[in-house]
Amino acid sequence: MKTAYLYIYPIVRRLFATTRRLSDHHPTAVLLLVLSPWTIPPASAQTIAQDVVIDNHVRVGEPLEKAIDYFTSEAFPSVIVGNGRGGLYLYRSITGQLQGPWKRSTIVEQGSAYERARPIKFSGDAYPGLVASIGNKIVLFENPGNRGHAAAVTRPWPAHVVNPNHGCHDIRLEDLDGDGKVDIVCSGAISLRAPEFVAFQNDRNHWQVVDDVADVGDDVAILKVGTDSLPHLVGSDPSGNIFWYENPRARGGNARTAHWSKHFIGPGNVGNSFAAGQLVSGKYAVVTAANEHEGPGGGTDDRGITWYEQPPDPQDPWIAHRISTSYRDVHEINLGHWNGGVPYVLVAEQEQACDPARPESKPPDHPGTPCRITMFQWNNGQPREAVLADTGTQNQVVLPWRGGLLMADANHGAYGASKSVHLRLILP
């Protein structure tokens, strides 16, 4: 019954919102609307079909970093959460069912987890490990399950420091130098005063760190241009403008060098979030959203969420399309394909965008409007908005699962919102 209720609730909410608008001007239309079966949205509308709280007793601190993958089982996923006040924690269902119960164990107890972690899987391993920005370092945590000790995943994981000099705000994984081994791409971190860098993998225990590959701010994404499969980088530089950074391999050079050539895409903001992928053609698009207005002197991006279409010549400015101007404080963008190849963009607003938050003793970015978890699904080449929940969250991560998406998320809680860790099943 709980699952059925959660599935029907968004439909009922939209129905009654429509009746309220109609009743102001056409009272007789309300009866027709309620009685007409054609007013009910089709069952294929996106919805959160199940929402499971896997931890409602988060320790002191902010649950900032999230990762979801098959860390402990090849059949059922588990979740990792990093705390801004210290530590990384593994959550696994002891029944192998979504409803749990879920048990928490400690991967590492110390070090500020700020602000991203990503699963990483090496050749020959059955289970992924984790790359995390923690203690202002980049650290690789080895999954003990790969050593034949399944029970050991509930104890602290072996750790190898990849970059001892600084952590970062965003992490992406990609083979940039073409040697068949995944590299660690880190954005800048304004609050850590850390530059962007790439840790190029020699082997899992040895990495070459190259600073200042691209002068991006707090977020970075992997981009491909034209029909070429060569990976490049995209982000906003210190001016706030958005650039793509050309992999030197495109001109016969070495990826393991600093200061990649950059090409203008369009206006943005130094604190903006980014994602890149295919939306309406075979070429990659760039999606960017207003995030925290990082300083000094930073301001929010009044454009809200924008996607940039790649022009015939990617070295020309890109073609801007507005998705929605009303969104603010979007800290993570998930871009992918589901439901038979339909493109989607999933966003969530952080708690400081809405009441009752008072960030830095100021009003939220859109007082009177709830925070939102929203999916934009591309139908006939245009994004269609579906608000999945009137609530905020931060750094959500998704995993394709049983015909839908499994999303792990939590508010950071810095402005009083609940810090409970959620696992939400989103269905088409």
Protein backbone atom coordinates (compact mmCIF):
# COMPACT_ATOMS: atom_id res chain seq x y z
CA MET A 1 0.00 0.00 0.00
CA LYS A 2 2.87 2.39 0.75
CA THR A 3 4.32 1.95 -2.74
CA ALA A 4 0.91 2.49 -4.35
CA TYR A 5 0.37 5.64 -2.32
CA LEU A 6 3.74 7.06 -3.30
CA TYR A 7 3.01 6.36 -6.95
CA ILE A 8 -0.44 7.97 -6.94
CA TYR A 9 0.45 10.97 -4.77
CA PRO A 10 2.21 13.07 -7.46
CA ILE A 11 -0.77 12.56 -9.80
CA VAL A 12 -3.25 13.67 -7.14
CA ARG A 13 -1.10 16.67 -6.25
CA ARG A 14 -1.00 17.88 -9.85
CA LEU A 15 -4.74 17.23 -10.24
CA PHE A 16 -5.72 19.36 -7.25
CA ALA A 17 -3.26 22.11 -8.21
CA THR A 18 -5.08 22.30 -11.53
CA THR A 19 -8.52 22.40 -9.89
CA ARG A 20 -7.42 25.29 -7.64
CA ARG A 21 -6.34 27.35 -10.64
CA LEU A 22 -9.58 26.61 -12.51
CA SER A 23 -11.89 27.28 -9.59
CA ASP A 24 -10.88 30.95 -9.47
CA HIS A 25 -12.40 31.62 -12.90
CA HIS A 26 -14.53 28.62 -13.96
CA PRO A 27 -16.22 26.93 -10.99
CA THR A 28 -18.22 24.57 -13.20
CA ALA A 29 -15.07 23.35 -14.87
CA VAL A 30 -13.85 21.81 -11.63
CA LEU A 31 -16.61 19.19 -11.60
CA LEU A 32 -15.91 18.28 -15.21
CA LEU A 33 -12.19 18.03 -14.50
CA VAL A 34 -12.57 15.76 -11.52
CA LEU A 35 -15.07 13.46 -13.23
CA SER A 36 -13.25 13.19 -16.53
CA PRO A 37 -10.88 10.19 -16.76
CA TRP A 38 -8.88 11.99 -19.48
CA THR A 39 -7.58 14.51 -16.95
CA ILE A 40 -5.50 11.91 -15.11
CA PRO A 41 -1.87 11.95 -16.33
CA PRO A 42 -0.79 8.72 -18.04
CA ALA A 43 0.85 6.02 -15.96
CA SER A 44 4.10 6.65 -17.83
CA ALA A 45 4.62 10.01 -16.07
CA GLN A 46 7.86 10.05 -14.10
CA THR A 47 7.37 9.52 -10.38
CA ILE A 48 9.15 8.52 -7.18
CA ALA A 49 7.53 5.12 -6.74
CA GLN A 50 9.33 4.29 -3.51
CA ASP A 51 11.17 6.43 -0.96
CA VAL A 52 13.15 4.56 1.69
CA VAL A 53 15.01 6.31 4.50
CA ILE A 54 18.13 4.23 5.04
CA ASP A 55 19.48 6.37 7.89
CA ASN A 56 17.50 8.90 9.94
CA HIS A 57 20.15 9.22 12.65
CA VAL A 58 23.04 10.82 10.79
CA ARG A 59 25.83 11.72 13.18
CA VAL A 60 26.88 15.32 13.76
CA GLY A 61 28.02 16.89 10.52
CA GLU A 62 26.86 17.18 6.92
CA PRO A 63 26.27 14.16 4.64
CA LEU A 64 27.93 15.73 1.59
CA GLU A 65 29.41 12.94 -0.53
CA LYS A 66 27.24 10.16 -1.95
CA ALA A 67 27.99 7.14 -4.11
CA ILE A 68 25.83 4.21 -5.20
CA ASP A 69 27.06 1.01 -6.85
CA TYR A 70 27.37 -2.74 -6.34
CA PHE A 71 29.96 -2.40 -3.58
CA THR A 72 29.03 -5.52 -1.61
CA SER A 73 26.97 -7.66 -3.99
CA GLU A 74 26.81 -8.19 -7.74
CA ALA A 75 23.02 -8.46 -7.44
CA PHE A 76 22.01 -5.57 -5.18
CA PRO A 77 23.48 -2.05 -4.78
CA SER A 78 24.74 -0.36 -1.65
CA VAL A 79 25.39 3.27 -0.75
CA ILE A 80 28.36 5.24 0.58
CA VAL A 81 27.97 8.63 2.31
CA GLY A 82 30.80 10.99 3.27
CA ASN A 83 30.42 13.40 6.19
CA GLY A 84 31.76 16.93 6.05
CA ARG A 85 32.77 16.68 9.71
CA GLY A 86 34.59 13.41 9.20
CA GLY A 87 34.36 9.92 7.77
CA LEU A 88 32.95 7.71 5.00
CA TYR A 89 30.17 5.23 5.76
CA LEU A 90 28.85 2.21 3.89
CA TYR A 91 25.13 1.33 3.90
CA ARG A 92 23.97 -2.14 2.86
CA SER A 93 20.60 -3.83 3.00
CA ILE A 94 20.90 -6.92 5.16
CA THR A 95 17.87 -8.45 3.41
CA GLY A 96 18.86 -7.62 -0.16
CA GLN A 97 15.61 -5.68 -0.46
CA LEU A 98 15.04 -1.99 -1.00
CA GLN A 99 13.03 -1.62 2.21
CA GLY A 100 15.99 -2.96 4.21
CA PRO A 101 16.70 -2.77 7.07
CA TRP A 102 19.94 -1.01 6.16
CA LYS A 103 23.09 -1.32 8.24
CA ARG A 104 25.82 1.28 8.48
CA SER A 105 29.53 0.49 8.82
CA THR A 106 32.66 2.66 8.78
CA ILE A 107 35.06 2.84 5.82
CA VAL A 108 37.17 5.53 7.48
CA GLU A 109 36.31 7.56 10.58
CA GLN A 110 38.45 10.65 10.17
CA GLY A 111 38.81 13.40 7.55
CA SER A 112 36.35 15.94 6.22
CA ALA A 113 34.59 14.42 3.20
CA TYR A 114 34.34 17.45 0.90
CA GLU A 115 32.75 17.26 -1.51
CA ARG A 116 32.57 14.39 -4.00
CA ALA A 117 33.27 10.67 -4.10
CA ARG A 118 32.96 8.33 -7.09
CA PRO A 119 32.99 4.53 -7.47
CA ILE A 120 36.03 3.24 -9.36
CA LYS A 121 36.51 -0.28 -10.69
CA PHE A 122 39.83 -1.69 -11.84
CA SER A 123 40.35 -4.48 -14.34
CA GLY A 124 39.99 -7.88 -12.68
CA ASP A 125 38.04 -6.59 -9.67
CA ALA A 126 34.58 -7.93 -8.88
CA TYR A 127 33.54 -4.90 -6.84
CA PRO A 128 34.23 -1.17 -7.19
CA GLY A 129 36.33 0.77 -4.74
CA LEU A 130 35.96 4.48 -4.05
CA VAL A 131 37.83 7.68 -4.93
CA ALA A 132 37.05 10.45 -2.46
CA SER A 133 38.09 13.98 -1.64
CA ILE A 134 38.65 13.63 2.10
CA GLY A 135 40.89 15.43 4.60
CA ASN A 136 41.81 17.83 1.76
CA LYS A 137 43.43 14.95 -0.11
CA ILE A 138 42.36 12.61 -2.90
CA VAL A 139 42.26 9.10 -1.50
CA LEU A 140 41.59 5.73 -3.14
CA PHE A 141 39.80 3.23 -0.90
CA GLU A 142 40.26 -0.42 -1.88
CA ASN A 143 37.18 -2.63 -1.56
CA PRO A 144 38.16 -5.56 0.71
CA GLY A 145 35.62 -7.75 -1.10
CA ASN A 146 38.07 -8.01 -4.00
CA ARG A 147 40.50 -9.87 -1.73
CA GLY A 148 38.05 -12.64 -1.02
CA HIS A 149 37.07 -11.24 2.37
CA ALA A 150 33.40 -10.32 1.94
CA ALA A 151 32.88 -9.71 5.66
CA ALA A 152 35.76 -7.24 5.68
CA VAL A 153 33.71 -4.62 3.83
CA THR A 154 32.10 -3.78 7.17
CA ARG A 155 35.51 -2.83 8.60
CA PRO A 156 37.74 0.12 7.60
CA TRP A 157 38.92 -0.12 3.98
CA PRO A 158 42.60 0.04 2.95
CA ALA A 159 43.46 3.54 1.73
CA HIS A 160 46.03 4.92 -0.74
CA VAL A 161 46.64 8.65 -1.07
CA VAL A 162 46.54 9.74 -4.72
CA ASN A 163 47.13 13.48 -4.18
CA PRO A 164 48.43 14.52 -0.75
CA ASN A 165 48.42 18.25 -1.56
CA HIS A 166 44.70 19.00 -1.82
CA GLY A 167 41.22 17.66 -2.43
CA CYS A 168 38.60 19.04 -4.78
CA HIS A 169 34.95 19.98 -5.15
CA ASP A 170 33.99 17.67 -8.02
CA ILE A 171 35.42 14.39 -9.34
CA ARG A 172 35.04 12.70 -12.72
CA LEU A 173 36.65 9.48 -13.94
CA GLU A 174 37.83 9.12 -17.54
CA ASP A 175 40.76 7.77 -19.54
CA LEU A 176 42.15 11.06 -20.83
CA ASP A 177 45.55 9.93 -22.06
CA GLY A 178 44.34 6.85 -23.99
CA ASP A 179 46.39 4.25 -22.13
CA GLY A 180 43.35 2.14 -21.23
CA LYS A 181 43.46 3.12 -17.55
CA VAL A 182 40.96 5.47 -15.91
CA ASP A 183 42.25 8.82 -14.67
CA ILE A 184 40.88 11.00 -11.86
CA VAL A 185 39.69 14.46 -12.97
CA CYS A 186 39.25 17.02 -10.20
CA SER A 187 37.65 20.44 -10.47
CA GLY A 188 38.94 23.39 -8.55
CA ALA A 189 37.73 23.95 -5.01
CA ILE A 190 37.22 27.62 -4.21
CA SER A 191 36.80 27.07 -0.48
CA LEU A 192 39.90 24.82 -0.35
CA ARG A 193 41.93 27.21 -2.55
CA ALA A 194 42.75 24.17 -4.66
CA PRO A 195 43.47 24.21 -8.39
CA GLU A 196 41.93 21.86 -10.90
CA PHE A 197 44.11 18.84 -11.59
CA VAL A 198 44.17 15.41 -13.17
CA ALA A 199 45.70 12.35 -11.51
CA PHE A 200 46.84 10.21 -14.43
CA GLN A 201 46.98 6.54 -13.57
CA ASN A 202 50.14 4.51 -14.07
CA ASP A 203 48.68 1.69 -12.00
CA ARG A 204 46.28 1.64 -9.07
CA ASN A 205 49.08 2.46 -6.64
CA HIS A 206 50.96 5.04 -8.73
CA TRP A 207 49.53 8.26 -10.17
CA GLN A 208 51.01 11.32 -11.88
CA VAL A 209 49.30 14.51 -10.71
CA VAL A 210 49.23 17.41 -13.18
CA ASP A 211 47.86 20.71 -11.82
CA ASP A 212 46.14 23.42 -13.85
CA VAL A 213 45.05 21.25 -16.73
CA ALA A 214 41.93 23.43 -17.01
CA ASP A 215 41.20 26.56 -14.98
CA VAL A 216 37.65 25.52 -14.03
CA GLY A 217 35.79 26.47 -10.87
CA ASP A 218 33.85 24.18 -8.57
CA ASP A 219 32.57 21.75 -11.19
CA VAL A 220 33.83 19.86 -14.23
CA ALA A 221 32.39 17.43 -16.77
CA ILE A 222 33.65 15.17 -19.53
CA LEU A 223 32.80 16.31 -23.06
CA LYS A 224 33.13 14.92 -26.58
CA VAL A 225 33.05 17.19 -29.62
CA GLY A 226 31.84 16.41 -33.09
CA THR A 227 31.69 12.69 -33.79
CA ASP A 228 35.07 12.03 -32.19
CA SER A 229 35.25 9.79 -29.14
CA LEU A 230 38.20 11.67 -27.65
CA PRO A 231 37.34 13.03 -24.17
CA HIS A 232 37.74 16.73 -23.38
CA LEU A 233 36.78 18.79 -20.30
CA VAL A 234 34.17 21.50 -19.72
CA GLY A 235 33.58 24.01 -16.93
CA SER A 236 33.55 27.71 -16.09
CA ASP A 237 36.78 29.66 -15.75
CA PRO A 238 37.44 32.39 -13.13
CA SER A 239 35.51 34.92 -15.24
CA GLY A 240 32.37 32.76 -14.96
CA ASN A 241 32.25 32.10 -18.70
CA ILE A 242 31.92 28.49 -19.85
CA PHE A 243 34.68 26.88 -21.90
CA TRP A 244 35.56 23.48 -23.21
CA TYR A 245 39.17 22.48 -22.79
CA GLU A 246 40.75 20.65 -25.70
CA ASN A 247 42.60 17.42 -25.01
CA PRO A 248 46.09 17.88 -26.50
CA ARG A 249 45.79 14.42 -28.07
CA ALA A 250 43.41 16.00 -30.62
CA ARG A 251 46.48 17.68 -32.18
CA GLY A 252 49.00 14.92 -31.58
CA GLY A 253 50.06 16.17 -28.15
CA ASN A 254 50.36 14.66 -24.68
CA ALA A 255 47.34 14.76 -22.37
CA ARG A 256 49.64 14.78 -19.34
CA THR A 257 50.34 18.49 -19.64
CA ALA A 258 48.98 21.65 -18.02
CA HIS A 259 47.00 24.50 -19.58
CA TRP A 260 44.87 22.77 -22.18
CA SER A 261 43.61 25.13 -24.92
CA LYS A 262 40.13 26.42 -24.17
CA HIS A 263 37.22 27.35 -26.42
CA PHE A 264 34.31 29.63 -25.49
CA ILE A 265 30.86 28.03 -25.12
CA GLY A 266 28.79 30.80 -23.51
CA PRO A 267 28.09 32.78 -20.32
CA GLY A 268 27.74 31.06 -16.95
CA ASN A 269 28.97 31.47 -13.38
CA VAL A 270 32.12 30.37 -11.58
CA GLY A 271 30.11 28.26 -9.13
CA ASN A 272 27.80 26.61 -11.70
CA SER A 273 27.17 22.87 -11.86
CA PHE A 274 27.76 20.94 -15.09
CA ALA A 275 26.88 17.77 -16.94
CA ALA A 276 27.51 16.73 -20.54
CA GLY A 277 25.99 14.09 -22.78
CA GLN A 278 23.74 13.46 -25.76
CA LEU A 279 20.30 15.09 -25.67
CA VAL A 280 18.81 15.74 -29.11
CA SER A 281 21.45 14.58 -31.59
CA GLY A 282 24.51 12.42 -31.83
CA LYS A 283 26.61 15.28 -30.48
CA TYR A 284 27.25 16.06 -26.85
CA ALA A 285 25.42 18.95 -25.22
CA VAL A 286 26.44 20.81 -22.05
CA VAL A 287 23.93 21.39 -19.24
CA THR A 288 24.70 24.01 -16.60
CA ALA A 289 22.72 25.20 -13.60
CA ALA A 290 22.78 27.95 -11.01
CA ASN A 291 24.58 26.69 -7.93
CA GLU A 292 25.89 28.30 -4.79
CA HIS A 293 27.23 31.76 -5.62
CA GLU A 294 30.85 31.14 -4.74
CA GLY A 295 33.05 34.14 -4.08
CA PRO A 296 34.79 36.38 -3.87
CA GLY A 297 32.23 38.59 -5.51
CA GLY A 298 30.25 35.72 -6.98
CA GLY A 299 26.56 35.93 -7.74
CA THR A 300 23.93 33.40 -8.67
CA ASP A 301 23.17 32.60 -12.31
CA ASP A 302 19.82 34.17 -13.19
CA ARG A 303 19.56 31.90 -16.21
CA GLY A 304 18.69 28.98 -13.92
CA ILE A 305 19.21 25.79 -15.96
CA THR A 306 20.57 26.13 -19.49
CA TRP A 307 21.65 23.60 -22.07
CA TYR A 308 24.16 24.47 -24.76
CA GLU A 309 23.83 22.82 -28.16
CA GLN A 310 27.04 22.02 -29.99
CA PRO A 311 27.35 24.00 -33.25
CA PRO A 312 28.70 22.54 -36.52
CA ASP A 313 32.10 24.01 -35.62
CA PRO A 314 32.59 23.36 -31.87
CA GLN A 315 35.15 26.17 -31.72
CA ASP A 316 32.34 28.66 -32.34
CA PRO A 317 30.12 29.88 -29.46
CA TRP A 318 27.50 27.26 -28.65
CA ILE A 319 23.73 27.65 -29.00
CA ALA A 320 22.00 28.37 -25.68
CA HIS A 321 18.57 26.93 -24.80
CA ARG A 322 16.79 27.73 -21.55
CA ILE A 323 15.42 24.73 -19.65
CA SER A 324 14.01 26.69 -16.69
CA THR A 325 14.95 30.04 -15.17
CA SER A 326 13.42 29.40 -11.73
CA TYR A 327 15.92 26.87 -10.34
CA ARG A 328 18.67 27.83 -7.90
CA ASP A 329 21.31 26.12 -5.73
CA VAL A 330 21.51 23.03 -7.95
CA HIS A 331 24.60 21.24 -6.70
CA GLU A 332 24.50 18.16 -8.94
CA ILE A 333 23.13 17.44 -12.42
CA ASN A 334 22.49 13.87 -13.55
CA LEU A 335 22.25 13.37 -17.31
CA GLY A 336 21.51 10.06 -18.98
CA HIS A 337 19.11 7.93 -21.01
CA TRP A 338 16.34 5.61 -19.81
CA ASN A 339 13.02 4.09 -20.82
CA GLY A 340 14.19 2.95 -24.23
CA GLY A 341 16.79 5.64 -24.82
CA VAL A 342 14.87 8.78 -23.78
CA PRO A 343 17.28 11.52 -22.61
CA TYR A 344 16.76 13.00 -19.16
CA VAL A 345 18.28 15.63 -16.89
CA LEU A 346 17.71 15.22 -13.14
CA VAL A 347 18.28 18.14 -10.78
CA ALA A 348 17.65 18.92 -7.12
CA GLU A 349 17.73 22.22 -5.27
CA GLN A 350 19.61 22.49 -2.00
CA GLU A 351 17.79 23.55 1.13
CA GLN A 352 19.11 27.13 1.02
CA ALA A 353 16.98 27.82 -2.06
CA CYS A 354 13.72 27.77 -0.09
CA ASP A 355 12.07 28.50 3.25
CA PRO A 356 12.77 28.25 6.13
CA ALA A 357 16.49 28.49 5.33
CA ARG A 358 18.25 31.80 5.98
CA PRO A 359 21.66 31.36 4.34
CA GLU A 360 24.14 33.81 5.84
CA SER A 361 21.10 35.42 7.55
CA LYS A 362 19.59 36.32 4.18
CA PRO A 363 16.31 35.16 2.59
CA PRO A 364 16.46 32.00 0.46
CA ASP A 365 16.79 32.32 -3.30
CA HIS A 366 13.09 31.74 -3.95
CA PRO A 367 11.08 32.32 -0.74
CA GLY A 368 7.54 31.00 -0.89
CA THR A 369 8.40 28.33 -3.45
CA PRO A 370 9.37 24.86 -2.19
CA CYS A 371 12.66 23.26 -3.13
CA ARG A 372 12.29 20.67 -5.88
CA ILE A 373 13.63 17.37 -7.12
CA THR A 374 12.85 17.51 -10.84
CA MET A 375 13.34 15.45 -13.96
CA PHE A 376 13.37 17.03 -17.41
CA GLN A 377 12.70 14.38 -20.03
CA TRP A 378 13.26 15.13 -23.71
CA ASN A 379 10.14 14.46 -25.79
CA ASN A 380 10.17 15.44 -29.48
CA GLY A 381 13.35 17.37 -28.93
CA GLN A 382 12.02 19.50 -26.05
CA PRO A 383 12.50 19.14 -22.28
CA ARG A 384 9.32 18.32 -20.32
CA GLU A 385 9.37 19.17 -16.61
CA ALA A 386 8.16 16.72 -13.98
CA VAL A 387 8.53 17.77 -10.35
CA LEU A 388 9.13 14.50 -8.51
CA ALA A 389 9.10 15.94 -4.98
CA ASP A 390 8.65 19.31 -3.28
CA THR A 391 11.77 18.92 -1.18
CA GLY A 392 15.42 19.78 -1.33
CA THR A 393 18.45 17.53 -1.43
CA GLN A 394 22.11 17.70 -2.37
CA ASN A 395 24.71 15.76 -4.40
CA GLN A 396 22.23 13.11 -5.47
CA VAL A 397 23.62 10.09 -7.33
CA VAL A 398 21.70 7.69 -9.57
CA LEU A 399 22.05 4.11 -10.77
CA PRO A 400 19.95 2.43 -13.50
CA TRP A 401 17.93 -0.23 -11.71
CA ARG A 402 15.08 -2.52 -12.77
CA GLY A 403 13.72 -0.28 -15.50
CA GLY A 404 14.07 2.92 -13.50
CA LEU A 405 16.64 4.91 -11.54
CA LEU A 406 17.74 4.37 -7.97
CA MET A 407 18.71 7.71 -6.40
CA ALA A 408 20.68 8.08 -3.17
CA ASP A 409 20.60 11.52 -1.59
CA ALA A 410 20.48 13.64 1.57
CA ASN A 411 20.36 17.32 2.50
CA HIS A 412 23.57 18.75 3.89
CA GLY A 413 21.49 20.08 6.80
CA ALA A 414 23.50 23.27 7.28
CA TYR A 415 20.31 25.36 7.40
CA GLY A 416 18.14 23.07 9.46
CA ALA A 417 16.77 20.59 6.89
CA SER A 418 16.58 16.89 7.71
CA LYS A 419 19.86 15.07 7.06
CA SER A 420 18.22 11.66 6.65
CA VAL A 421 19.74 9.54 3.88
CA HIS A 422 17.17 8.54 1.26
CA LEU A 423 17.04 5.88 -1.41
CA ARG A 424 14.35 6.75 -3.98
CA LEU A 425 13.15 4.59 -6.84
CA ILE A 426 12.21 6.73 -9.85
CA LEU A 427 10.07 5.06 -12.53
CA PRO A 428 9.19 6.29 -16.04
